[in-house]
Amino acid sequence: MLIDARPARGFSLIELLVVLTLIGVLLGLGVPAVTSWTGDAHLRSVAESFTNGLRLAQATAVARNHVTVFAVTGATPAYNAVPAANGTNWMVLVDPLSSSETMDSTYLIQSSTEARQHNVSVNSNTSSMVCFNSFGQQTSNLTTTQTSLPASSCATPGGSSGVDTAPTTFVLSRPPSSRVYHVLVYPGGRVRMCDATKTLSTTNPDGCP
């Protein structure tokens, strides 16, 4: 009987180091891509929730036949939170029926801190608030006298032009993501989210005008 006396050959130290180096390089190339993809996904999710919040305010105004407010705030969202054009939270509130009523938590329909949780900033150079009337259209009229919801803070429908081509615009971003989403609220009631890194066209229906 013949016995093979040659020792079993394993990995040498150099081969092992080469493999570990290659794994490290691949991980180094993949991690930034995964991080960027995750950030973009969080930003889009928040933008969709923000859009749905506006549509909730609109639907509530129609269902209750009364003005409903969508407001951005930098504070913890609550019925008495002060609106701010640049914030990380938002809320939906029903405007009191008359100026003699006192707003409380029963008027709060929705409060969200989702943008803050995902480090998404919300900016608007138009207004901190959008108000919808019973037809689901933008209105600048409020009955409340609460200091947290000043009647003059509602976006003027159509801006200075007063036409449906001048929407109230909210900008959502999340550094270092290259994506930027706009949420447009038109005077007639149309609410639309678009990708600001694209120009609206037949090939980019999700782009911004």
N, C-alpha and C. Protein backbone atom coordinates (compact mmCIF):
# COMPACT_ATOMS: atom_id res chain seq x y z
N MET A 1 0.85 -1.19 0.00
CA MET A 1 0.00 0.00 0.00
C MET A 1 0.88 1.23 0.00
N LEU A 2 0.55 2.13 -0.92
CA LEU A 2 1.32 3.36 -1.02
C LEU A 2 0.63 4.48 -0.25
N ILE A 3 1.38 5.24 0.48
CA ILE A 3 0.84 6.36 1.28
C ILE A 3 1.42 7.65 0.74
N ASP A 4 0.51 8.60 0.40
CA ASP A 4 0.94 9.91 -0.10
C ASP A 4 1.40 10.74 1.10
N ALA A 5 2.66 10.99 1.13
CA ALA A 5 3.23 11.71 2.27
C ALA A 5 3.22 13.21 2.09
N ARG A 6 2.70 13.68 0.94
CA ARG A 6 2.69 15.13 0.71
C ARG A 6 1.67 15.81 1.63
N PRO A 7 2.05 16.85 2.29
CA PRO A 7 1.12 17.53 3.21
C PRO A 7 0.01 18.22 2.43
N ALA A 8 -1.22 18.28 3.05
CA ALA A 8 -2.35 18.97 2.43
C ALA A 8 -2.03 20.45 2.32
N ARG A 9 -2.32 21.03 1.13
CA ARG A 9 -1.98 22.43 0.90
C ARG A 9 -3.18 23.31 1.21
N GLY A 10 -3.00 24.33 2.07
CA GLY A 10 -4.05 25.29 2.38
C GLY A 10 -3.73 26.64 1.78
N PHE A 11 -4.37 27.70 2.33
CA PHE A 11 -4.10 29.06 1.88
C PHE A 11 -2.85 29.58 2.54
N SER A 12 -2.05 30.24 1.76
CA SER A 12 -0.88 30.89 2.35
C SER A 12 -1.32 32.23 2.94
N LEU A 13 -0.48 32.79 3.75
CA LEU A 13 -0.78 34.07 4.39
C LEU A 13 -0.95 35.17 3.34
N ILE A 14 -0.14 35.13 2.31
CA ILE A 14 -0.23 36.14 1.25
C ILE A 14 -1.56 36.04 0.51
N GLU A 15 -1.97 34.80 0.20
CA GLU A 15 -3.26 34.61 -0.50
C GLU A 15 -4.42 35.12 0.36
N LEU A 16 -4.35 34.83 1.65
CA LEU A 16 -5.41 35.27 2.56
C LEU A 16 -5.48 36.79 2.62
N LEU A 17 -4.31 37.43 2.66
CA LEU A 17 -4.28 38.90 2.69
C LEU A 17 -4.83 39.50 1.41
N VAL A 18 -4.53 38.86 0.28
CA VAL A 18 -5.04 39.35 -1.00
C VAL A 18 -6.56 39.27 -1.03
N VAL A 19 -7.11 38.16 -0.57
CA VAL A 19 -8.57 37.99 -0.55
C VAL A 19 -9.22 39.03 0.37
N LEU A 20 -8.65 39.23 1.55
CA LEU A 20 -9.20 40.20 2.49
C LEU A 20 -9.12 41.61 1.91
N THR A 21 -8.04 41.91 1.21
CA THR A 21 -7.90 43.23 0.58
C THR A 21 -8.97 43.46 -0.48
N LEU A 22 -9.21 42.43 -1.30
CA LEU A 22 -10.23 42.53 -2.34
C LEU A 22 -11.62 42.73 -1.73
N ILE A 23 -11.90 42.01 -0.66
CA ILE A 23 -13.19 42.17 0.02
C ILE A 23 -13.34 43.59 0.56
N GLY A 24 -12.24 44.11 1.14
CA GLY A 24 -12.28 45.48 1.66
C GLY A 24 -12.53 46.51 0.57
N VAL A 25 -11.89 46.32 -0.59
CA VAL A 25 -12.09 47.25 -1.72
C VAL A 25 -13.53 47.21 -2.20
N LEU A 26 -14.09 45.99 -2.35
CA LEU A 26 -15.47 45.86 -2.81
C LEU A 26 -16.45 46.48 -1.84
N LEU A 27 -16.22 46.29 -0.54
CA LEU A 27 -17.09 46.90 0.46
C LEU A 27 -16.97 48.42 0.42
N GLY A 28 -15.73 48.90 0.21
CA GLY A 28 -15.53 50.35 0.14
C GLY A 28 -16.25 50.99 -1.03
N LEU A 29 -16.34 50.23 -2.13
CA LEU A 29 -17.04 50.75 -3.30
C LEU A 29 -18.55 50.64 -3.14
N GLY A 30 -19.00 49.63 -2.42
CA GLY A 30 -20.43 49.38 -2.31
C GLY A 30 -21.13 50.19 -1.24
N VAL A 31 -20.47 50.45 -0.12
CA VAL A 31 -21.11 51.15 1.00
C VAL A 31 -21.61 52.53 0.62
N PRO A 32 -20.81 53.38 -0.06
CA PRO A 32 -21.33 54.70 -0.44
C PRO A 32 -22.57 54.61 -1.32
N ALA A 33 -22.57 53.65 -2.24
CA ALA A 33 -23.72 53.50 -3.13
C ALA A 33 -24.97 53.11 -2.35
N VAL A 34 -24.80 52.18 -1.39
CA VAL A 34 -25.93 51.76 -0.56
C VAL A 34 -26.41 52.90 0.31
N THR A 35 -25.47 53.67 0.87
CA THR A 35 -25.83 54.81 1.72
C THR A 35 -26.61 55.86 0.93
N SER A 36 -26.15 56.14 -0.30
CA SER A 36 -26.83 57.10 -1.15
C SER A 36 -28.23 56.62 -1.51
N TRP A 37 -28.36 55.35 -1.85
CA TRP A 37 -29.65 54.78 -2.21
C TRP A 37 -30.61 54.85 -1.03
N THR A 38 -30.11 54.53 0.17
CA THR A 38 -30.95 54.58 1.36
C THR A 38 -31.43 56.00 1.65
N GLY A 39 -30.52 56.98 1.51
CA GLY A 39 -30.89 58.37 1.74
C GLY A 39 -31.94 58.84 0.75
N ASP A 40 -31.78 58.48 -0.52
CA ASP A 40 -32.76 58.84 -1.54
C ASP A 40 -34.12 58.21 -1.24
N ALA A 41 -34.10 56.97 -0.76
CA ALA A 41 -35.35 56.27 -0.44
C ALA A 41 -36.07 56.95 0.72
N HIS A 42 -35.30 57.36 1.74
CA HIS A 42 -35.90 58.07 2.88
C HIS A 42 -36.51 59.39 2.43
N LEU A 43 -35.79 60.12 1.58
CA LEU A 43 -36.27 61.40 1.11
C LEU A 43 -37.56 61.24 0.32
N ARG A 44 -37.61 60.28 -0.57
CA ARG A 44 -38.82 60.06 -1.37
C ARG A 44 -39.99 59.66 -0.48
N SER A 45 -39.73 58.81 0.51
CA SER A 45 -40.78 58.38 1.42
C SER A 45 -41.39 59.57 2.17
N VAL A 46 -40.52 60.47 2.65
CA VAL A 46 -41.00 61.65 3.37
C VAL A 46 -41.78 62.57 2.42
N ALA A 47 -41.29 62.74 1.20
CA ALA A 47 -41.98 63.59 0.23
C ALA A 47 -43.37 63.04 -0.08
N GLU A 48 -43.49 61.73 -0.17
CA GLU A 48 -44.80 61.12 -0.43
C GLU A 48 -45.72 61.31 0.77
N SER A 49 -45.20 61.16 1.99
CA SER A 49 -46.01 61.37 3.19
C SER A 49 -46.45 62.82 3.29
N PHE A 50 -45.55 63.74 2.94
CA PHE A 50 -45.86 65.17 2.95
C PHE A 50 -47.01 65.46 1.97
N THR A 51 -46.92 64.89 0.78
CA THR A 51 -47.96 65.06 -0.23
C THR A 51 -49.29 64.50 0.26
N ASN A 52 -49.23 63.33 0.88
CA ASN A 52 -50.45 62.72 1.41
C ASN A 52 -51.05 63.55 2.54
N GLY A 53 -50.20 64.23 3.32
CA GLY A 53 -50.70 65.11 4.38
C GLY A 53 -51.50 66.26 3.80
N LEU A 54 -51.00 66.84 2.72
CA LEU A 54 -51.73 67.91 2.03
C LEU A 54 -53.06 67.40 1.49
N ARG A 55 -53.06 66.22 0.93
CA ARG A 55 -54.30 65.66 0.39
C ARG A 55 -55.28 65.32 1.50
N LEU A 56 -54.76 64.93 2.67
CA LEU A 56 -55.63 64.69 3.82
C LEU A 56 -56.32 65.97 4.25
N ALA A 57 -55.55 67.07 4.30
CA ALA A 57 -56.13 68.36 4.66
C ALA A 57 -57.21 68.75 3.66
N GLN A 58 -56.94 68.53 2.40
CA GLN A 58 -57.90 68.86 1.34
C GLN A 58 -59.17 68.02 1.48
N ALA A 59 -59.01 66.72 1.68
CA ALA A 59 -60.16 65.82 1.81
C ALA A 59 -60.98 66.15 3.06
N THR A 60 -60.28 66.51 4.14
CA THR A 60 -60.97 66.86 5.38
C THR A 60 -61.79 68.13 5.20
N ALA A 61 -61.26 69.10 4.47
CA ALA A 61 -61.98 70.35 4.22
C ALA A 61 -63.27 70.08 3.46
N VAL A 62 -63.19 69.18 2.48
CA VAL A 62 -64.38 68.85 1.69
C VAL A 62 -65.38 68.06 2.54
N ALA A 63 -64.89 67.07 3.30
CA ALA A 63 -65.77 66.22 4.10
C ALA A 63 -66.47 67.00 5.22
N ARG A 64 -65.76 67.94 5.83
CA ARG A 64 -66.33 68.70 6.95
C ARG A 64 -66.96 70.02 6.51
N ASN A 65 -66.81 70.31 5.23
CA ASN A 65 -67.39 71.54 4.69
C ASN A 65 -66.87 72.76 5.45
N HIS A 66 -65.58 72.74 5.74
CA HIS A 66 -64.98 73.86 6.46
C HIS A 66 -63.48 73.94 6.17
N VAL A 67 -62.93 75.12 6.31
CA VAL A 67 -61.51 75.35 6.04
C VAL A 67 -60.63 74.45 6.90
N THR A 68 -59.66 73.82 6.25
CA THR A 68 -58.68 72.98 6.95
C THR A 68 -57.29 73.46 6.57
N VAL A 69 -56.38 73.39 7.54
CA VAL A 69 -55.05 73.97 7.40
C VAL A 69 -53.98 72.88 7.38
N PHE A 70 -53.05 73.00 6.46
CA PHE A 70 -51.82 72.19 6.46
C PHE A 70 -50.69 73.15 6.78
N ALA A 71 -49.94 72.89 7.86
CA ALA A 71 -48.92 73.83 8.30
C ALA A 71 -47.59 73.13 8.57
N VAL A 72 -46.52 73.76 8.15
CA VAL A 72 -45.15 73.30 8.43
C VAL A 72 -44.68 74.00 9.70
N THR A 73 -43.95 73.28 10.53
CA THR A 73 -43.45 73.88 11.76
C THR A 73 -42.09 73.33 12.12
N GLY A 74 -41.31 74.12 12.82
CA GLY A 74 -40.02 73.65 13.31
C GLY A 74 -40.13 73.10 14.72
N ALA A 75 -41.29 73.27 15.33
CA ALA A 75 -41.53 72.80 16.69
C ALA A 75 -42.19 71.42 16.65
N THR A 76 -42.45 70.87 17.83
CA THR A 76 -43.20 69.62 17.91
C THR A 76 -44.61 69.89 17.40
N PRO A 77 -45.07 69.15 16.40
CA PRO A 77 -46.39 69.44 15.83
C PRO A 77 -47.51 69.25 16.84
N ALA A 78 -48.32 70.27 16.99
CA ALA A 78 -49.43 70.27 17.93
C ALA A 78 -50.40 71.37 17.53
N TYR A 79 -51.57 71.40 18.14
CA TYR A 79 -52.57 72.40 17.75
C TYR A 79 -52.10 73.83 18.00
N ASN A 80 -51.16 73.99 18.95
CA ASN A 80 -50.68 75.34 19.27
C ASN A 80 -49.24 75.58 18.82
N ALA A 81 -48.73 74.72 17.93
CA ALA A 81 -47.37 74.91 17.41
C ALA A 81 -47.36 76.08 16.43
N VAL A 82 -46.28 76.84 16.43
CA VAL A 82 -46.17 78.01 15.56
C VAL A 82 -45.67 77.58 14.18
N PRO A 83 -46.39 77.90 13.12
CA PRO A 83 -45.95 77.54 11.76
C PRO A 83 -44.65 78.25 11.39
N ALA A 84 -43.86 77.60 10.55
CA ALA A 84 -42.61 78.19 10.06
C ALA A 84 -42.38 77.73 8.63
N ALA A 85 -41.98 78.65 7.77
CA ALA A 85 -41.77 78.32 6.37
C ALA A 85 -40.68 77.28 6.18
N ASN A 86 -39.70 77.26 7.09
CA ASN A 86 -38.62 76.28 7.04
C ASN A 86 -38.70 75.42 8.29
N GLY A 87 -39.07 74.17 8.14
CA GLY A 87 -39.23 73.30 9.30
C GLY A 87 -38.96 71.86 8.96
N THR A 88 -39.21 70.98 9.92
CA THR A 88 -38.99 69.56 9.70
C THR A 88 -40.21 68.74 10.12
N ASN A 89 -41.28 69.41 10.53
CA ASN A 89 -42.50 68.72 10.93
C ASN A 89 -43.70 69.37 10.24
N TRP A 90 -44.82 68.69 10.26
CA TRP A 90 -46.04 69.30 9.73
C TRP A 90 -47.26 68.80 10.47
N MET A 91 -48.37 69.49 10.27
CA MET A 91 -49.61 69.15 10.96
C MET A 91 -50.81 69.56 10.11
N VAL A 92 -51.93 68.90 10.37
CA VAL A 92 -53.19 69.21 9.71
C VAL A 92 -54.20 69.57 10.78
N LEU A 93 -54.82 70.74 10.64
CA LEU A 93 -55.77 71.21 11.64
C LEU A 93 -57.03 71.74 10.96
N VAL A 94 -58.17 71.58 11.65
CA VAL A 94 -59.41 72.17 11.18
C VAL A 94 -59.52 73.56 11.79
N ASP A 95 -59.79 74.55 10.98
CA ASP A 95 -59.94 75.92 11.46
C ASP A 95 -61.23 76.01 12.27
N PRO A 96 -61.19 76.65 13.46
CA PRO A 96 -62.42 76.83 14.23
C PRO A 96 -63.52 77.49 13.42
N LEU A 97 -64.76 77.17 13.73
CA LEU A 97 -65.89 77.68 12.97
C LEU A 97 -66.06 79.19 13.11
N SER A 98 -65.62 79.74 14.21
CA SER A 98 -65.73 81.18 14.42
C SER A 98 -64.56 81.66 15.24
N SER A 99 -64.31 82.96 15.22
CA SER A 99 -63.19 83.53 15.96
C SER A 99 -63.41 83.47 17.47
N SER A 100 -64.61 83.16 17.90
CA SER A 100 -64.89 83.08 19.34
C SER A 100 -64.51 81.71 19.92
N GLU A 101 -64.29 80.75 19.05
CA GLU A 101 -63.90 79.41 19.51
C GLU A 101 -62.42 79.37 19.83
N THR A 102 -62.06 78.55 20.80
CA THR A 102 -60.66 78.38 21.19
C THR A 102 -60.15 77.06 20.63
N MET A 103 -59.08 77.13 19.88
CA MET A 103 -58.52 75.92 19.30
C MET A 103 -57.89 75.05 20.38
N ASP A 104 -58.11 73.73 20.28
CA ASP A 104 -57.48 72.78 21.20
C ASP A 104 -57.12 71.53 20.42
N SER A 105 -56.74 70.48 21.12
CA SER A 105 -56.24 69.26 20.47
C SER A 105 -57.30 68.56 19.62
N THR A 106 -58.58 68.85 19.86
CA THR A 106 -59.63 68.19 19.06
C THR A 106 -59.62 68.68 17.62
N TYR A 107 -58.98 69.81 17.35
CA TYR A 107 -58.91 70.34 16.00
C TYR A 107 -57.73 69.75 15.21
N LEU A 108 -56.84 69.02 15.91
CA LEU A 108 -55.65 68.44 15.27
C LEU A 108 -56.02 67.12 14.60
N ILE A 109 -55.85 67.06 13.27
CA ILE A 109 -56.19 65.87 12.51
C ILE A 109 -54.98 64.97 12.32
N GLN A 110 -53.82 65.56 12.06
CA GLN A 110 -52.59 64.79 11.85
C GLN A 110 -51.39 65.59 12.31
N SER A 111 -50.44 64.90 12.89
CA SER A 111 -49.15 65.52 13.23
C SER A 111 -48.05 64.55 12.81
N SER A 112 -46.98 65.08 12.22
CA SER A 112 -45.92 64.20 11.71
C SER A 112 -44.54 64.76 12.03
N THR A 113 -43.67 63.87 12.48
CA THR A 113 -42.25 64.20 12.70
C THR A 113 -41.37 63.36 11.78
N GLU A 114 -41.98 62.80 10.74
CA GLU A 114 -41.25 61.89 9.85
C GLU A 114 -40.05 62.57 9.19
N ALA A 115 -40.21 63.83 8.78
CA ALA A 115 -39.10 64.53 8.13
C ALA A 115 -37.93 64.69 9.09
N ARG A 116 -38.21 65.03 10.32
CA ARG A 116 -37.13 65.19 11.31
C ARG A 116 -36.44 63.87 11.57
N GLN A 117 -37.21 62.79 11.63
CA GLN A 117 -36.63 61.48 11.90
C GLN A 117 -35.64 61.06 10.82
N HIS A 118 -35.89 61.49 9.59
CA HIS A 118 -35.03 61.09 8.48
C HIS A 118 -34.14 62.24 8.00
N ASN A 119 -34.01 63.28 8.81
CA ASN A 119 -33.11 64.40 8.52
C ASN A 119 -33.47 65.10 7.21
N VAL A 120 -34.76 65.22 6.95
CA VAL A 120 -35.24 65.90 5.74
C VAL A 120 -35.71 67.30 6.12
N SER A 121 -35.28 68.29 5.37
CA SER A 121 -35.70 69.67 5.62
C SER A 121 -36.79 70.07 4.63
N VAL A 122 -37.72 70.89 5.11
CA VAL A 122 -38.82 71.39 4.30
C VAL A 122 -38.70 72.90 4.22
N ASN A 123 -38.67 73.43 3.02
CA ASN A 123 -38.53 74.88 2.83
C ASN A 123 -39.57 75.40 1.86
N SER A 124 -40.06 76.59 2.15
CA SER A 124 -40.99 77.24 1.23
C SER A 124 -40.75 78.74 1.29
N ASN A 125 -40.59 79.35 0.13
CA ASN A 125 -40.43 80.80 0.10
C ASN A 125 -41.78 81.48 -0.15
N THR A 126 -42.84 80.66 -0.11
CA THR A 126 -44.19 81.19 -0.34
C THR A 126 -44.95 81.37 0.96
N SER A 127 -45.08 80.29 1.74
CA SER A 127 -45.86 80.35 2.97
C SER A 127 -45.59 79.14 3.83
N SER A 128 -45.87 79.27 5.12
CA SER A 128 -45.74 78.15 6.04
C SER A 128 -47.02 77.33 6.11
N MET A 129 -48.10 77.85 5.52
CA MET A 129 -49.40 77.21 5.62
C MET A 129 -50.13 77.19 4.28
N VAL A 130 -50.89 76.13 4.07
CA VAL A 130 -51.81 76.06 2.94
C VAL A 130 -53.19 75.76 3.52
N CYS A 131 -54.18 76.53 3.10
CA CYS A 131 -55.54 76.35 3.59
C CYS A 131 -56.45 75.92 2.45
N PHE A 132 -57.31 74.95 2.72
CA PHE A 132 -58.26 74.46 1.73
C PHE A 132 -59.67 74.78 2.17
N ASN A 133 -60.50 75.19 1.21
CA ASN A 133 -61.90 75.44 1.52
C ASN A 133 -62.74 74.20 1.26
N SER A 134 -64.06 74.32 1.40
CA SER A 134 -64.94 73.17 1.28
C SER A 134 -65.02 72.61 -0.13
N PHE A 135 -64.46 73.33 -1.11
CA PHE A 135 -64.39 72.83 -2.49
C PHE A 135 -63.05 72.16 -2.77
N GLY A 136 -62.18 72.11 -1.77
CA GLY A 136 -60.87 71.50 -1.95
C GLY A 136 -59.88 72.41 -2.65
N GLN A 137 -60.21 73.69 -2.71
CA GLN A 137 -59.34 74.67 -3.36
C GLN A 137 -58.61 75.50 -2.31
N GLN A 138 -57.52 76.12 -2.73
CA GLN A 138 -56.78 76.98 -1.81
C GLN A 138 -57.60 78.21 -1.44
N THR A 139 -57.47 78.62 -0.19
CA THR A 139 -58.11 79.85 0.28
C THR A 139 -57.16 80.56 1.22
N SER A 140 -57.26 81.85 1.30
CA SER A 140 -56.40 82.62 2.21
C SER A 140 -57.18 83.09 3.43
N ASN A 141 -58.41 82.60 3.58
CA ASN A 141 -59.27 83.07 4.67
C ASN A 141 -59.28 82.09 5.84
N LEU A 142 -59.04 82.62 7.03
CA LEU A 142 -59.12 81.85 8.27
C LEU A 142 -60.02 82.61 9.24
N THR A 143 -60.73 81.86 10.08
CA THR A 143 -61.57 82.52 11.09
C THR A 143 -60.86 82.60 12.43
N THR A 144 -59.85 81.75 12.63
CA THR A 144 -59.21 81.69 13.94
C THR A 144 -58.44 82.96 14.27
N THR A 145 -58.40 83.27 15.56
CA THR A 145 -57.60 84.40 16.04
C THR A 145 -56.42 83.91 16.85
N GLN A 146 -56.18 82.59 16.83
CA GLN A 146 -55.07 82.02 17.59
C GLN A 146 -53.74 82.54 17.05
N THR A 147 -52.85 82.91 17.94
CA THR A 147 -51.55 83.44 17.50
C THR A 147 -50.73 82.39 16.78
N SER A 148 -50.98 81.11 17.06
CA SER A 148 -50.21 80.06 16.39
C SER A 148 -50.63 79.89 14.93
N LEU A 149 -51.83 80.35 14.58
CA LEU A 149 -52.30 80.25 13.21
C LEU A 149 -52.79 81.63 12.74
N PRO A 150 -51.86 82.53 12.49
CA PRO A 150 -52.27 83.86 12.04
C PRO A 150 -52.96 83.79 10.69
N ALA A 151 -54.07 84.51 10.57
CA ALA A 151 -54.88 84.45 9.35
C ALA A 151 -54.10 84.87 8.12
N SER A 152 -53.09 85.70 8.29
CA SER A 152 -52.33 86.20 7.15
C SER A 152 -51.28 85.22 6.65
N SER A 153 -51.11 84.07 7.33
CA SER A 153 -50.05 83.14 6.97
C SER A 153 -50.43 82.16 5.87
N CYS A 154 -51.72 82.03 5.57
CA CYS A 154 -52.12 81.11 4.51
C CYS A 154 -51.62 81.61 3.17
N ALA A 155 -51.13 80.70 2.36
CA ALA A 155 -50.62 81.07 1.05
C ALA A 155 -51.73 81.70 0.22
N THR A 156 -51.41 82.79 -0.46
CA THR A 156 -52.38 83.42 -1.35
C THR A 156 -52.53 82.56 -2.59
N PRO A 157 -53.75 82.08 -2.87
CA PRO A 157 -53.94 81.20 -4.05
C PRO A 157 -53.41 81.82 -5.33
N GLY A 158 -52.50 81.11 -5.98
CA GLY A 158 -51.96 81.58 -7.24
C GLY A 158 -50.92 82.66 -7.12
N GLY A 159 -50.50 82.95 -5.88
CA GLY A 159 -49.51 84.01 -5.70
C GLY A 159 -50.05 85.34 -6.18
N SER A 160 -49.21 86.18 -6.71
CA SER A 160 -49.62 87.50 -7.16
C SER A 160 -50.40 87.46 -8.47
N SER A 161 -50.22 86.37 -9.23
CA SER A 161 -50.88 86.30 -10.54
C SER A 161 -52.32 85.82 -10.44
N GLY A 162 -52.60 85.06 -9.37
CA GLY A 162 -53.96 84.59 -9.18
C GLY A 162 -54.42 83.57 -10.21
N VAL A 163 -53.50 82.87 -10.84
CA VAL A 163 -53.85 81.86 -11.83
C VAL A 163 -53.36 80.50 -11.37
N ASP A 164 -53.91 79.45 -12.01
CA ASP A 164 -53.61 78.10 -11.57
C ASP A 164 -52.22 77.62 -11.97
N THR A 165 -51.46 78.46 -12.64
CA THR A 165 -50.11 78.07 -13.03
C THR A 165 -49.07 78.55 -12.02
N ALA A 166 -49.53 79.15 -10.91
CA ALA A 166 -48.60 79.64 -9.89
C ALA A 166 -48.85 78.90 -8.58
N PRO A 167 -48.28 77.71 -8.44
CA PRO A 167 -48.55 76.90 -7.25
C PRO A 167 -47.75 77.35 -6.04
N THR A 168 -48.25 77.00 -4.86
CA THR A 168 -47.47 77.11 -3.64
C THR A 168 -46.49 75.94 -3.65
N THR A 169 -45.20 76.23 -3.45
CA THR A 169 -44.17 75.20 -3.60
C THR A 169 -43.44 74.93 -2.30
N PHE A 170 -43.34 73.65 -1.96
CA PHE A 170 -42.55 73.21 -0.82
C PHE A 170 -41.37 72.39 -1.36
N VAL A 171 -40.18 72.66 -0.84
CA VAL A 171 -38.96 72.00 -1.30
C VAL A 171 -38.46 71.06 -0.20
N LEU A 172 -38.30 69.79 -0.52
CA LEU A 172 -37.83 68.80 0.43
C LEU A 172 -36.47 68.28 -0.02
N SER A 173 -35.50 68.34 0.89
CA SER A 173 -34.14 67.91 0.56
C SER A 173 -33.53 67.18 1.75
N ARG A 174 -32.47 66.43 1.45
CA ARG A 174 -31.80 65.66 2.51
C ARG A 174 -30.32 65.53 2.17
N PRO A 175 -29.49 66.46 2.62
CA PRO A 175 -28.05 66.36 2.35
C PRO A 175 -27.49 65.05 2.90
N PRO A 176 -26.56 64.41 2.21
CA PRO A 176 -25.90 64.84 0.97
C PRO A 176 -26.58 64.31 -0.29
N SER A 177 -27.83 63.88 -0.19
CA SER A 177 -28.53 63.35 -1.35
C SER A 177 -28.62 64.40 -2.45
N SER A 178 -28.44 63.96 -3.68
CA SER A 178 -28.54 64.87 -4.81
C SER A 178 -30.00 65.08 -5.23
N ARG A 179 -30.90 64.26 -4.71
CA ARG A 179 -32.30 64.37 -5.03
C ARG A 179 -32.94 65.55 -4.29
N VAL A 180 -33.86 66.22 -4.96
CA VAL A 180 -34.67 67.27 -4.35
C VAL A 180 -36.09 67.10 -4.87
N TYR A 181 -37.04 67.08 -3.96
CA TYR A 181 -38.43 66.93 -4.38
C TYR A 181 -39.20 68.21 -4.10
N HIS A 182 -40.06 68.59 -5.04
CA HIS A 182 -40.97 69.71 -4.86
C HIS A 182 -42.39 69.16 -4.71
N VAL A 183 -43.13 69.74 -3.79
CA VAL A 183 -44.55 69.43 -3.67
C VAL A 183 -45.31 70.69 -4.03
N LEU A 184 -46.09 70.62 -5.08
CA LEU A 184 -46.78 71.78 -5.64
C LEU A 184 -48.26 71.73 -5.28
N VAL A 185 -48.78 72.84 -4.78
CA VAL A 185 -50.21 72.93 -4.46
C VAL A 185 -50.79 74.05 -5.32
N TYR A 186 -51.63 73.69 -6.27
CA TYR A 186 -52.20 74.67 -7.19
C TYR A 186 -53.47 75.28 -6.61
N PRO A 187 -53.77 76.52 -6.98
CA PRO A 187 -54.96 77.20 -6.44
C PRO A 187 -56.25 76.41 -6.63
N GLY A 188 -56.36 75.71 -7.78
CA GLY A 188 -57.57 74.94 -8.04
C GLY A 188 -57.72 73.69 -7.22
N GLY A 189 -56.65 73.30 -6.51
CA GLY A 189 -56.72 72.15 -5.63
C GLY A 189 -55.82 70.99 -6.01
N ARG A 190 -55.16 71.06 -7.17
CA ARG A 190 -54.28 69.96 -7.57
C ARG A 190 -53.03 69.94 -6.69
N VAL A 191 -52.69 68.76 -6.19
CA VAL A 191 -51.49 68.57 -5.36
C VAL A 191 -50.59 67.59 -6.09
N ARG A 192 -49.33 67.98 -6.31
CA ARG A 192 -48.43 67.14 -7.12
C ARG A 192 -47.02 67.16 -6.55
N MET A 193 -46.41 65.96 -6.51
CA MET A 193 -45.01 65.83 -6.11
C MET A 193 -44.17 65.61 -7.36
N CYS A 194 -43.01 66.26 -7.45
CA CYS A 194 -42.16 66.08 -8.62
C CYS A 194 -40.69 66.06 -8.22
N ASP A 195 -39.87 65.49 -9.08
CA ASP A 195 -38.43 65.40 -8.88
C ASP A 195 -37.78 66.63 -9.50
N ALA A 196 -37.22 67.49 -8.66
CA ALA A 196 -36.64 68.75 -9.15
C ALA A 196 -35.36 68.57 -9.94
N THR A 197 -34.78 67.38 -9.90
CA THR A 197 -33.57 67.13 -10.69
C THR A 197 -33.91 66.77 -12.13
N LYS A 198 -35.21 66.69 -12.45
CA LYS A 198 -35.66 66.40 -13.81
C LYS A 198 -36.59 67.51 -14.28
N THR A 199 -36.62 67.73 -15.57
CA THR A 199 -37.53 68.70 -16.17
C THR A 199 -38.73 67.97 -16.75
N LEU A 200 -39.92 68.44 -16.42
CA LEU A 200 -41.14 67.79 -16.87
C LEU A 200 -41.17 67.69 -18.40
N SER A 201 -41.38 66.47 -18.89
CA SER A 201 -41.46 66.23 -20.33
C SER A 201 -42.15 64.89 -20.54
N THR A 202 -42.34 64.54 -21.79
CA THR A 202 -42.98 63.26 -22.08
C THR A 202 -42.12 62.09 -21.62
N THR A 203 -40.81 62.30 -21.59
CA THR A 203 -39.90 61.24 -21.14
C THR A 203 -39.65 61.29 -19.64
N ASN A 204 -39.97 62.44 -19.01
CA ASN A 204 -39.81 62.59 -17.56
C ASN A 204 -41.12 63.10 -16.95
N PRO A 205 -42.14 62.26 -16.90
CA PRO A 205 -43.43 62.71 -16.36
C PRO A 205 -43.39 63.02 -14.87
N ASP A 206 -42.33 62.56 -14.18
CA ASP A 206 -42.19 62.84 -12.75
C ASP A 206 -41.33 64.08 -12.50
N GLY A 207 -40.92 64.77 -13.56
CA GLY A 207 -40.11 65.97 -13.41
C GLY A 207 -40.93 67.18 -13.02
N CYS A 208 -40.24 68.25 -12.66
CA CYS A 208 -40.89 69.49 -12.25
C CYS A 208 -40.98 70.47 -13.43
N PRO A 209 -42.03 71.26 -13.47
CA PRO A 209 -42.18 72.23 -14.55
C PRO A 209 -41.18 73.37 -14.40
